[in-house]
Amino acid sequence: IQQGWLSNWLVKHEVVHRPLGFDHRGIETSQIKAGDWDSIAIILYVYGYNYLSSQCAYDVAPGGSLASVYHLMRIQYGIDNSEEICIKVFAQKDNPRIPSVFWVWRSADFQERESYDMVGISYDNHLRLKCILMPESWIGWP
């Protein structure tokens, strides 16, 4: 798999990760451990990735894990020259916990809450992690 600057940077700083290559738009994607996500999020924000364009979650496979996906943008020289990266953080279904990045990117608020409500990933240290789409009486995840 071809590696980009993000993967090379993670290797240089001895961060365990798995490069996932580039998508059809040329956006580099890397998988990182849930325990490293809060530290990497801060570093990426300081490096200039100050815009969380989207976050979503999905069920990887029956009996497998759940994934939380973050698309981050660096808009240093205008929107036409922006850089985008994708981070995937996986959690086991028996205890799906991932550190919240709500306190780094405030736009993660609604998106992480939706992922919690629809998929069941608990985002540690999220200030308002509660159901927003399903009724409070709903048991389980759709």
Protein backbone atom coordinates (compact mmCIF):
# COMPACT_ATOMS: atom_id res chain seq x y z
CA ILE A 1 0.00 0.00 0.00
CA GLN A 2 1.29 3.41 -0.95
CA GLN A 3 2.10 5.68 2.00
CA GLY A 4 1.61 9.43 2.17
CA TRP A 5 2.98 12.13 4.44
CA LEU A 6 0.67 11.19 7.34
CA SER A 7 1.79 7.58 7.44
CA ASN A 8 5.42 8.62 7.09
CA TRP A 9 4.99 11.11 9.94
CA LEU A 10 3.39 8.45 12.16
CA VAL A 11 6.26 6.05 11.42
CA LYS A 12 8.83 8.74 12.20
CA HIS A 13 7.21 9.36 15.61
CA GLU A 14 6.80 5.63 16.29
CA VAL A 15 3.00 5.71 16.38
CA VAL A 16 1.51 2.32 15.68
CA HIS A 17 -0.87 2.58 12.75
CA ARG A 18 -1.92 0.87 9.57
CA PRO A 19 -1.77 2.79 6.29
CA LEU A 20 -4.90 2.13 4.22
CA GLY A 21 -3.73 3.90 1.07
CA PHE A 22 -5.61 6.55 -0.86
CA ASP A 23 -9.24 6.76 -1.84
CA HIS A 24 -10.58 7.61 -5.33
CA ARG A 25 -10.06 11.34 -4.63
CA GLY A 26 -6.45 10.87 -3.52
CA ILE A 27 -7.17 11.30 0.20
CA GLU A 28 -4.77 9.39 2.43
CA THR A 29 -6.42 7.10 4.97
CA SER A 30 -4.78 5.64 8.08
CA GLN A 31 -6.05 3.39 10.83
CA ILE A 32 -4.91 4.17 14.36
CA LYS A 33 -5.50 2.65 17.78
CA ALA A 34 -8.29 4.11 19.88
CA GLY A 35 -5.84 4.77 22.73
CA ASP A 36 -3.71 7.00 20.50
CA TRP A 37 -6.57 8.98 18.96
CA ASP A 38 -6.79 11.85 21.47
CA SER A 39 -3.04 12.57 21.24
CA ILE A 40 -2.98 12.34 17.45
CA ALA A 41 -6.06 14.57 17.21
CA ILE A 42 -4.30 17.34 19.14
CA ILE A 43 -1.17 17.03 17.03
CA LEU A 44 -3.17 17.17 13.78
CA TYR A 45 -5.06 20.24 15.00
CA VAL A 46 -1.80 22.00 15.87
CA TYR A 47 -0.39 20.99 12.49
CA GLY A 48 -3.25 22.87 10.84
CA TYR A 49 -6.04 20.33 10.43
CA ASN A 50 -8.50 22.59 12.18
CA TYR A 51 -11.64 21.62 10.27
CA LEU A 52 -13.53 18.37 10.83
CA SER A 53 -15.51 18.07 7.62
CA SER A 54 -17.29 14.85 8.61
CA GLN A 55 -17.39 12.01 11.06
CA CYS A 56 -19.36 8.81 10.73
CA ALA A 57 -19.41 5.30 12.12
CA TYR A 58 -20.19 1.90 10.65
CA ASP A 59 -20.33 -1.77 11.52
CA VAL A 60 -17.30 -3.36 9.85
CA ALA A 61 -18.55 -6.96 9.80
CA PRO A 62 -20.87 -9.25 11.73
CA GLY A 63 -19.14 -10.20 14.96
CA GLY A 64 -16.24 -7.87 14.11
CA SER A 65 -15.55 -4.33 15.10
CA LEU A 66 -17.07 -0.88 14.72
CA ALA A 67 -15.30 1.97 12.94
CA SER A 68 -15.37 5.69 13.58
CA VAL A 69 -14.18 7.67 10.56
CA TYR A 70 -12.93 11.27 10.64
CA HIS A 71 -12.29 13.47 7.59
CA LEU A 72 -10.02 16.38 8.51
CA MET A 73 -9.08 19.38 6.41
CA ARG A 74 -6.21 21.80 6.49
CA ILE A 75 -7.32 25.05 4.90
CA GLN A 76 -4.13 27.07 5.16
CA TYR A 77 -4.15 28.82 1.78
CA GLY A 78 -7.87 28.86 0.99
CA ILE A 79 -10.48 26.24 0.24
CA ASP A 80 -9.16 25.65 -3.29
CA ASN A 81 -5.78 24.55 -1.88
CA SER A 82 -7.04 22.55 1.09
CA GLU A 83 -5.51 19.25 2.18
CA GLU A 84 -7.66 16.41 3.47
CA ILE A 85 -6.87 13.25 5.39
CA CYS A 86 -9.00 10.42 6.74
CA ILE A 87 -8.50 8.70 10.08
CA LYS A 88 -10.23 5.44 10.97
CA VAL A 89 -10.44 4.35 14.59
CA PHE A 90 -11.74 0.85 15.33
CA ALA A 91 -13.38 -0.46 18.51
CA GLN A 92 -14.44 -3.97 19.47
CA LYS A 93 -18.20 -4.57 19.62
CA ASP A 94 -18.06 -6.01 23.15
CA ASN A 95 -16.82 -2.66 24.53
CA PRO A 96 -16.90 -0.01 21.78
CA ARG A 97 -15.09 2.96 23.33
CA ILE A 98 -13.17 5.68 21.50
CA PRO A 99 -11.88 8.98 22.91
CA SER A 100 -14.08 11.89 21.89
CA VAL A 101 -12.52 14.74 19.93
CA PHE A 102 -15.39 17.09 20.77
CA TRP A 103 -12.99 19.25 22.77
CA VAL A 104 -10.62 19.52 19.76
CA TRP A 105 -13.18 20.01 16.97
CA ARG A 106 -16.53 21.27 18.30
CA SER A 107 -18.20 20.08 15.10
CA ALA A 108 -17.69 16.52 16.39
CA ASP A 109 -20.48 17.14 18.92
CA PHE A 110 -23.52 16.20 16.83
CA GLN A 111 -21.62 13.72 14.67
CA GLU A 112 -20.25 11.63 17.56
CA ARG A 113 -23.67 11.75 19.24
CA GLU A 114 -25.28 10.42 16.07
CA SER A 115 -22.67 7.63 15.85
CA TYR A 116 -23.37 6.74 19.48
CA ASP A 117 -27.12 6.73 18.86
CA MET A 118 -27.06 4.74 15.61
CA VAL A 119 -24.07 2.39 16.04
CA GLY A 120 -23.38 2.26 19.79
CA ILE A 121 -19.83 3.60 20.05
CA SER A 122 -19.23 5.35 23.38
CA TYR A 123 -17.08 8.43 22.98
CA ASP A 124 -15.13 8.93 26.20
CA ASN A 125 -15.17 12.47 27.67
CA HIS A 126 -17.93 13.69 25.36
CA LEU A 127 -19.89 16.26 27.37
CA ARG A 128 -23.35 15.52 25.95
CA LEU A 129 -23.27 11.90 24.78
CA LYS A 130 -26.93 10.93 24.60
CA CYS A 131 -29.52 9.82 22.08
CA ILE A 132 -30.49 12.51 19.59
CA LEU A 133 -32.41 10.61 16.91
CA MET A 134 -33.91 7.61 18.68
CA PRO A 135 -36.40 7.89 21.58
CA GLU A 136 -34.91 7.65 25.07
CA SER A 137 -36.90 4.42 25.61
CA TRP A 138 -35.15 2.69 22.68
CA ILE A 139 -33.04 -0.29 23.74
CA GLY A 140 -30.02 -1.21 21.62
CA TRP A 141 -28.93 0.35 18.32
CA PRO A 142 -30.71 0.38 14.97
